[in-house]
Protein backbone atom coordinates (compact mmCIF):
# COMPACT_ATOMS: atom_id res chain seq x y z
CA MET A 1 -15.69 9.29 -3.65
CA TYR A 2 -12.97 11.76 -2.70
CA ILE A 3 -9.95 9.73 -1.64
CA ASN A 4 -6.17 9.77 -1.01
CA HIS A 5 -6.40 13.24 0.51
CA LEU A 6 -3.25 14.97 1.79
CA PRO A 7 -3.30 15.62 5.56
CA ALA A 8 -2.39 19.25 4.79
CA GLU A 9 -3.47 20.78 1.49
CA THR A 10 -1.03 22.29 -0.97
CA TRP A 11 -2.02 24.76 -3.71
CA ASN A 12 -5.54 23.86 -4.83
CA TRP A 13 -4.94 24.98 -8.40
CA LEU A 14 -2.55 22.05 -8.86
CA LYS A 15 -5.45 19.64 -8.19
CA MET A 16 -3.13 17.24 -6.36
CA ASN A 17 -4.61 17.32 -2.83
CA GLY A 18 -6.78 14.27 -3.45
CA SER A 19 -8.59 12.32 -6.14
CA GLU A 20 -12.21 12.02 -7.14
CA VAL A 21 -13.45 8.60 -8.20
CA VAL A 22 -16.77 8.28 -10.02
CA GLY A 23 -18.72 5.51 -11.65
CA ILE A 24 -18.26 2.81 -9.02
CA PRO A 25 -21.00 0.19 -9.48
CA LYS A 26 -22.85 -1.74 -6.79
CA LEU A 27 -20.26 -3.95 -5.08
CA GLN A 28 -20.66 -7.47 -3.76
CA ASN A 29 -18.60 -9.47 -1.27
CA SER A 30 -15.57 -10.67 -3.19
CA ILE A 31 -14.61 -14.27 -3.60
CA PHE A 32 -11.12 -14.93 -2.33
CA THR A 33 -9.16 -17.93 -1.16
CA SER A 34 -7.29 -18.16 2.12
CA ASP A 35 -4.53 -20.44 3.27
CA LYS A 36 -3.28 -20.15 6.80
CA ASN A 37 -1.06 -21.90 9.27
CA GLY A 38 -0.07 -21.09 12.81
CA ASP A 39 -2.33 -19.92 15.62
CA ILE A 40 -4.89 -17.77 13.78
CA ASP A 41 -8.52 -17.36 14.78
CA ASN A 42 -10.85 -16.37 11.95
CA THR A 43 -14.30 -14.93 12.64
CA LEU A 44 -16.74 -13.33 10.22
CA ASP A 45 -18.79 -10.28 11.22
CA SER A 46 -21.18 -8.16 9.22
CA LEU A 47 -19.56 -4.80 8.50
CA THR A 48 -22.62 -2.56 8.87
CA ARG A 49 -23.19 0.75 10.59
CA ARG A 50 -24.96 -1.04 13.42
CA ASN A 51 -22.05 -3.38 14.09
CA ILE A 52 -19.54 -0.55 13.89
CA ASP A 53 -21.58 1.41 16.43
CA ALA A 54 -21.55 -1.75 18.56
CA ARG A 55 -17.73 -1.51 18.58
CA ASP A 56 -17.21 -4.76 16.69
CA ASN A 57 -14.44 -3.33 14.51
CA GLY A 58 -11.36 -3.20 16.73
CA ALA A 59 -9.25 -1.03 14.43
CA MET A 60 -11.86 1.71 14.20
CA ARG A 61 -12.49 1.56 17.95
CA ILE A 62 -8.79 2.12 18.70
CA ALA A 63 -8.58 4.86 16.06
CA ALA A 64 -11.53 6.67 17.67
CA ALA A 65 -9.86 6.43 21.09
CA ASN A 66 -6.70 8.01 19.65
CA LYS A 67 -8.68 10.57 17.63
CA VAL A 68 -7.00 9.71 14.34
CA ASN A 69 -8.00 8.41 10.93
CA ILE A 70 -7.20 4.77 10.29
CA THR A 71 -6.49 4.30 6.57
CA GLY A 72 -4.80 6.02 3.65
CA VAL A 73 -7.69 6.08 1.18
CA GLY A 74 -9.83 7.86 3.78
CA PRO A 75 -13.34 7.74 5.30
CA ASP A 76 -15.09 7.48 1.94
CA MET A 77 -13.74 3.92 1.73
CA ASP A 78 -15.52 3.03 4.96
CA ASN A 79 -18.70 4.58 3.57
CA LEU A 80 -18.37 2.53 0.39
CA LEU A 81 -18.10 -0.70 2.38
CA PHE A 82 -20.97 0.24 4.69
CA ASP A 83 -23.29 1.22 1.86
CA ASN A 84 -22.64 -2.07 0.04
CA ASN A 85 -22.99 -4.24 3.20
CA ILE A 86 -19.54 -5.76 2.79
CA THR A 87 -18.62 -8.47 5.29
CA LEU A 88 -15.70 -7.94 7.67
CA ASN A 89 -13.19 -10.80 7.68
CA ARG A 90 -11.28 -10.72 10.97
CA TYR A 91 -8.09 -12.70 11.64
CA GLU A 92 -6.52 -12.80 15.09
CA ILE A 93 -2.94 -13.93 15.62
CA ASN A 94 -2.90 -14.86 19.29
CA LYS A 95 0.43 -16.60 19.93
CA GLY A 96 3.73 -17.60 18.36
CA ASP A 97 6.08 -16.15 15.77
CA SER A 98 5.54 -18.49 12.78
CA ASN A 99 2.06 -17.42 11.68
CA VAL A 100 1.48 -17.18 7.92
CA LEU A 101 -1.74 -16.05 6.25
CA LYS A 102 -2.16 -16.15 2.46
CA LEU A 103 -5.10 -14.41 0.78
CA LYS A 104 -5.67 -14.39 -2.97
CA TRP A 105 -8.19 -12.58 -5.18
CA THR A 106 -8.58 -13.79 -8.79
CA VAL A 107 -10.70 -11.11 -10.42
CA LYS A 108 -13.30 -12.24 -12.97
CA ASN A 109 -14.43 -10.28 -16.01
CA GLN A 110 -17.30 -7.84 -15.36
CA SER A 111 -17.14 -8.47 -11.61
CA ALA A 112 -17.59 -5.72 -8.99
CA TRP A 113 -16.15 -6.96 -5.71
CA ALA A 114 -15.09 -5.62 -2.33
CA SER A 115 -13.49 -7.09 0.78
CA ALA A 116 -12.81 -5.79 4.27
CA ILE A 117 -9.98 -7.46 6.20
CA GLU A 118 -8.99 -6.85 9.82
CA ILE A 119 -5.84 -8.49 11.19
CA VAL A 120 -5.14 -8.29 14.92
CA VAL A 121 -1.69 -9.37 16.11
CA LYS A 122 -1.65 -9.89 19.85
CA LYS A 123 1.14 -8.91 22.25
CA ASN A 124 4.63 -10.10 21.19
CA CYS A 125 3.24 -12.24 18.34
CA LYS A 126 4.54 -12.21 14.77
CA ALA A 127 2.82 -12.77 11.43
CA VAL A 128 3.48 -12.79 7.70
CA VAL A 129 0.51 -11.96 5.46
CA PHE A 130 0.42 -12.33 1.67
CA GLU A 131 -2.30 -10.63 -0.37
CA GLU A 132 -2.27 -11.40 -4.10
CA PHE A 133 -4.50 -9.62 -6.62
CA GLU A 134 -4.60 -11.16 -10.09
CA SER A 135 -6.66 -11.27 -13.26
CA GLU A 136 -6.36 -12.17 -16.90
CA SER A 137 -4.91 -9.46 -19.13
CA GLU A 138 -8.15 -8.36 -20.84
CA VAL A 139 -10.43 -8.36 -17.78
CA SER A 140 -12.70 -5.38 -17.08
CA ALA A 141 -13.80 -5.18 -13.43
CA HIS A 142 -13.90 -3.21 -10.16
CA LEU A 143 -12.16 -4.32 -6.97
CA ALA A 144 -12.02 -2.55 -3.59
CA ILE A 145 -9.96 -4.04 -0.75
CA GLN A 146 -9.48 -2.64 2.73
CA THR A 147 -6.86 -4.10 5.08
CA LYS A 148 -6.81 -2.82 8.67
CA ILE A 149 -4.06 -3.96 11.02
CA VAL A 150 -3.92 -3.72 14.81
CA LEU A 151 -0.55 -4.41 16.44
CA GLU A 152 -0.43 -4.80 20.19
CA GLU A 153 2.68 -4.19 22.27
CA GLY A 154 5.75 -5.89 20.81
CA ALA A 155 3.80 -7.38 17.90
CA SER A 156 5.06 -7.40 14.30
CA ILE A 157 3.61 -8.04 10.88
CA ASN A 158 5.10 -8.35 7.41
CA LEU A 159 2.40 -7.55 4.82
CA ILE A 160 3.26 -8.40 1.20
CA GLN A 161 0.82 -7.20 -1.46
CA LEU A 162 1.33 -8.35 -5.06
CA GLN A 163 -0.80 -6.85 -7.84
CA ARG A 164 -1.03 -8.10 -11.42
CA MET A 165 -4.25 -6.87 -13.01
CA GLY A 166 -5.86 -6.66 -16.42
CA SER A 167 -6.13 -3.60 -18.63
CA GLY A 168 -9.73 -2.79 -17.67
CA VAL A 169 -9.56 -3.14 -13.88
CA THR A 170 -10.18 -0.30 -11.42
CA PHE A 171 -8.60 -1.20 -8.08
CA ILE A 172 -8.95 0.68 -4.78
CA ASN A 173 -6.46 -0.67 -2.24
CA ASP A 174 -6.83 0.77 1.27
CA ILE A 175 -4.40 0.02 4.14
CA GLY A 176 -4.28 1.27 7.71
CA SER A 177 -2.45 0.27 10.88
CA MET A 178 -2.80 1.09 14.59
CA GLN A 179 0.48 0.35 16.39
CA ASP A 180 1.14 0.01 20.10
CA GLU A 181 4.57 0.44 21.65
CA LYS A 182 7.54 -1.52 20.29
CA SER A 183 5.47 -2.88 17.39
CA THR A 184 6.76 -3.19 13.81
CA PHE A 185 4.87 -3.04 10.51
CA ASP A 186 6.82 -4.01 7.35
CA LEU A 187 4.97 -3.43 4.06
CA LYS A 188 6.08 -4.61 0.63
CA GLU A 189 4.15 -3.65 -2.53
CA VAL A 190 4.58 -4.76 -6.14
CA ILE A 191 2.19 -3.05 -8.57
CA ILE A 192 1.82 -4.20 -12.17
CA GLY A 193 -1.17 -3.52 -14.38
CA ALA A 194 -4.76 -2.29 -13.84
CA SER A 195 -6.28 0.59 -15.73
CA LYS A 196 -6.62 2.63 -12.54
CA THR A 197 -4.99 1.84 -9.19
CA TYR A 198 -5.72 3.90 -6.09
CA LEU A 199 -3.42 2.92 -3.21
CA GLY A 200 -3.74 4.55 0.19
CA SER A 201 -1.65 3.56 3.22
CA ARG A 202 -1.63 5.14 6.67
CA SER A 203 0.51 3.93 9.57
CA ASN A 204 -0.57 5.25 12.95
CA LEU A 205 2.50 5.02 15.17
CA VAL A 206 0.74 5.87 18.43
CA GLY A 207 2.91 3.72 20.71
CA ASP A 208 6.45 4.61 21.80
CA ASN A 209 9.27 2.96 19.85
CA SER A 210 6.88 1.68 17.16
CA GLU A 211 8.17 1.31 13.60
CA PHE A 212 6.89 1.32 10.02
CA ASN A 213 8.92 0.31 6.93
CA ALA A 214 7.64 0.20 3.36
CA GLU A 215 9.21 -0.85 0.06
CA VAL A 216 7.18 -0.24 -3.08
CA ALA A 217 7.95 -1.13 -6.70
CA TYR A 218 5.62 -0.29 -9.57
CA LEU A 219 5.38 -0.42 -13.36
CA VAL A 220 2.80 1.83 -15.02
CA GLU A 221 2.45 1.68 -18.80
CA ASN A 222 0.02 2.17 -21.70
CA LYS A 223 -2.54 4.78 -20.55
CA ASP A 224 -2.85 3.37 -17.04
CA LYS A 225 -3.08 5.46 -13.87
CA LEU A 226 -1.48 4.94 -10.44
CA ASP A 227 -2.60 7.18 -7.57
CA MET A 228 -0.72 6.71 -4.25
CA ASN A 229 -1.09 8.28 -0.82
CA PHE A 230 1.23 7.26 2.05
CA VAL A 231 0.88 8.84 5.50
CA GLU A 232 3.18 8.11 8.44
CA PHE A 233 1.40 9.53 11.51
CA GLN A 234 4.05 9.55 14.24
CA LYS A 235 2.57 10.26 17.66
CA GLY A 236 4.57 8.06 20.05
CA LYS A 237 8.04 8.87 21.30
CA LYS A 238 11.05 7.50 19.40
CA THR A 239 8.95 6.16 16.53
CA ASN A 240 10.61 5.39 13.21
CA SER A 241 9.25 5.35 9.64
CA ASN A 242 10.97 4.55 6.35
CA LEU A 243 9.38 4.67 2.90
CA ASP A 244 11.29 3.62 -0.23
CA VAL A 245 9.42 3.77 -3.56
CA LYS A 246 10.86 2.72 -6.92
CA GLY A 247 8.91 3.02 -10.14
CA ILE A 248 8.92 2.86 -13.92
CA LEU A 249 6.66 4.93 -16.18
CA ARG A 250 6.35 4.46 -19.90
CA ASP A 251 3.99 5.00 -22.87
CA GLU A 252 1.27 7.48 -21.81
CA ALA A 253 1.07 6.45 -18.16
CA PHE A 254 0.02 8.78 -15.33
CA LYS A 255 1.26 8.56 -11.75
CA ILE A 256 0.86 10.69 -8.64
CA PHE A 257 2.68 9.98 -5.39
CA ARG A 258 1.77 11.68 -2.11
CA GLY A 259 4.08 10.88 0.80
CA THR A 260 3.56 12.53 4.19
CA ILE A 261 5.59 12.25 7.39
CA ASP A 262 3.52 13.81 10.18
CA PHE A 263 5.41 14.49 13.42
CA ILE A 264 2.81 15.07 16.15
CA ARG A 265 3.60 17.14 19.26
CA GLY A 266 5.03 14.79 21.88
CA CYS A 267 6.79 12.39 19.49
CA ALA A 268 10.24 13.42 20.73
CA GLY A 269 13.14 11.40 19.39
CA SER A 270 11.21 10.20 16.31
CA LYS A 271 12.70 9.78 12.84
CA GLY A 272 11.09 9.66 9.42
CA SER A 273 12.44 9.16 5.92
CA GLU A 274 10.87 8.86 2.48
CA LEU A 275 12.37 8.57 -0.98
CA GLU A 276 10.89 8.02 -4.43
CA ASP A 277 13.01 7.06 -7.43
CA VAL A 278 11.14 7.26 -10.74
CA LEU A 279 12.53 6.08 -14.08
CA LEU A 280 10.89 7.75 -17.08
CA LEU A 281 11.07 5.69 -20.27
CA ASP A 282 9.07 8.02 -22.54
CA ASP A 283 8.42 11.72 -22.99
CA THR A 284 4.64 11.17 -23.09
CA ILE A 285 4.13 10.16 -19.45
CA VAL A 286 2.79 12.37 -16.64
CA ASN A 287 4.51 12.17 -13.24
CA GLN A 288 3.47 14.07 -10.10
CA THR A 289 5.30 13.71 -6.79
CA ILE A 290 4.54 15.40 -3.46
CA PRO A 291 6.98 14.56 -0.64
CA LEU A 292 5.69 16.31 2.50
CA ILE A 293 6.86 16.71 6.10
CA LEU A 294 4.56 18.15 8.76
CA CYS A 295 6.22 18.95 12.06
CA ASP A 296 4.82 20.02 15.42
CA GLU A 297 7.72 18.68 17.53
CA GLU A 298 11.28 20.01 17.80
CA ASP A 299 13.25 16.90 18.72
CA VAL A 300 12.76 14.89 15.50
CA GLU A 301 14.66 13.98 12.34
CA GLY A 302 12.92 13.96 8.98
CA ASP A 303 14.12 13.79 5.40
CA HIS A 304 12.48 13.27 2.06
CA GLY A 305 13.33 13.47 -1.59
CA ALA A 306 12.61 12.33 -5.10
CA THR A 307 14.83 11.32 -7.99
CA ILE A 308 12.94 11.64 -11.26
CA GLY A 309 14.39 11.31 -14.73
CA GLN A 310 15.61 9.20 -17.58
CA ILE A 311 18.61 6.91 -17.73
CA ASP A 312 21.89 8.73 -17.29
CA ASP A 313 23.65 9.25 -20.67
CA GLU A 314 26.97 7.93 -19.37
CA LYS A 315 25.34 4.78 -17.98
CA LEU A 316 23.46 4.28 -21.25
CA PHE A 317 26.64 4.72 -23.30
CA TYR A 318 28.55 2.30 -21.07
CA LEU A 319 25.94 -0.45 -21.39
CA LYS A 320 25.57 0.05 -25.15
CA SER A 321 29.33 -0.18 -25.52
CA ARG A 322 29.06 -3.65 -23.96
CA GLY A 323 26.85 -4.77 -26.83
CA ILE A 324 23.47 -4.39 -25.09
CA LYS A 325 20.69 -2.95 -27.24
CA GLU A 326 19.09 0.24 -25.98
CA GLU A 327 15.61 -1.29 -25.68
CA ASP A 328 17.08 -4.19 -23.70
CA ILE A 329 18.78 -1.74 -21.33
CA TYR A 330 15.46 -0.10 -20.50
CA GLU A 331 13.82 -3.48 -19.91
CA MET A 332 16.71 -4.65 -17.75
CA LEU A 333 16.62 -1.59 -15.51
CA ALA A 334 12.83 -1.73 -15.23
CA LYS A 335 12.87 -5.37 -14.18
CA ALA A 336 15.63 -4.69 -11.66
CA ARG A 337 13.39 -2.28 -9.76
CA LEU A 338 10.61 -4.82 -9.47
CA HIS A 339 13.03 -7.61 -8.54
CA SER A 340 14.46 -5.45 -5.74
CA VAL A 341 11.24 -6.01 -3.79
CA ILE A 342 10.24 -9.45 -5.05
CA SER A 343 13.63 -10.92 -4.16
CA LYS A 344 12.92 -10.19 -0.47
CA ILE A 345 9.78 -12.37 -0.35
CA SER A 346 10.41 -15.21 2.09
CA ASP A 347 7.94 -17.68 0.55
CA GLU A 348 9.86 -19.48 -2.21
CA GLU A 349 6.79 -20.56 -4.19
CA ILE A 350 5.29 -17.07 -4.30
CA ARG A 351 8.66 -15.45 -4.99
CA ASN A 352 9.40 -17.77 -7.93
CA LYS A 353 5.93 -17.21 -9.40
CA TRP A 354 6.26 -13.44 -9.35
CA GLU A 355 9.82 -13.50 -10.63
CA SER A 356 8.45 -15.48 -13.56
CA PHE A 357 5.76 -12.83 -14.14
CA ILE A 358 8.43 -10.12 -14.25
CA SER A 359 10.58 -12.10 -16.65
CA GLU A 360 7.60 -12.42 -18.98
């Protein structure tokens, strides 16, 4: 697979335009639990080439009509699901503003699983969706999850993804949204663990006054790898995107972040912002960051940036002068970045559980 590809290539010799993934075994439909309340219809369809051609997948049908890609990982993810005959799990939120859907994957040792999720939020409806990915610390496995979201006019969704994986897990996490006018997509990500994590997210803001907001917190340690690709495709007028990423790297970890704001001709009055703040705890890590703005429209506002470095010497001296050990300072600041996202989780039970994980 060739995944997480930049919409516009930079210098090829840097080898940062995308990532090649090899050695993926035969995947089977994953076992996951679901807990839902509110007005949600759940239907199961076979995600095969025949059913896709029969226009059963709403997200892909809308994407084709708008002539855009749908997800951040890219088309090779669709091919992976097709080739392994993975079932499509479709959830439709058809009325109300108190809809909650909780999905949880508990990854087993030596498993090779995949899931395809499609969530359709109808006009003026609201939903909160939790997706938790967990395993024991020593588990070795493969997991591939695709979450496609369709937001009709005035609809909104808050997607919270929480990852806590074992040291031998390879995880491909693919997200994509199609957004009609005045719709809002709020994404929160907490990433802890997994040997290799590939996260791709693409928000297609095709409707006027649509909005995308993302807050991401990650901890990458040992010799683990985190590969991220965020694309904000802003086609409608007066669209708005905001991406805020906070991370900690230590030991011999590797991380690459690709963040693209793509202003399409006709998106007059649109705004886009992205910022990554990376705290480096060791000299042996590898960090790569590509903040990118593509612009084919004059009347837009876009800004991006990255803050990458170690703890400021003055801040470190101040905290040490208060009797805090240096190793405790690093741990405190690392936990604070993860808590900044976890503290905003509305579900008290889930929030308390993940705060406990961070404390441990």
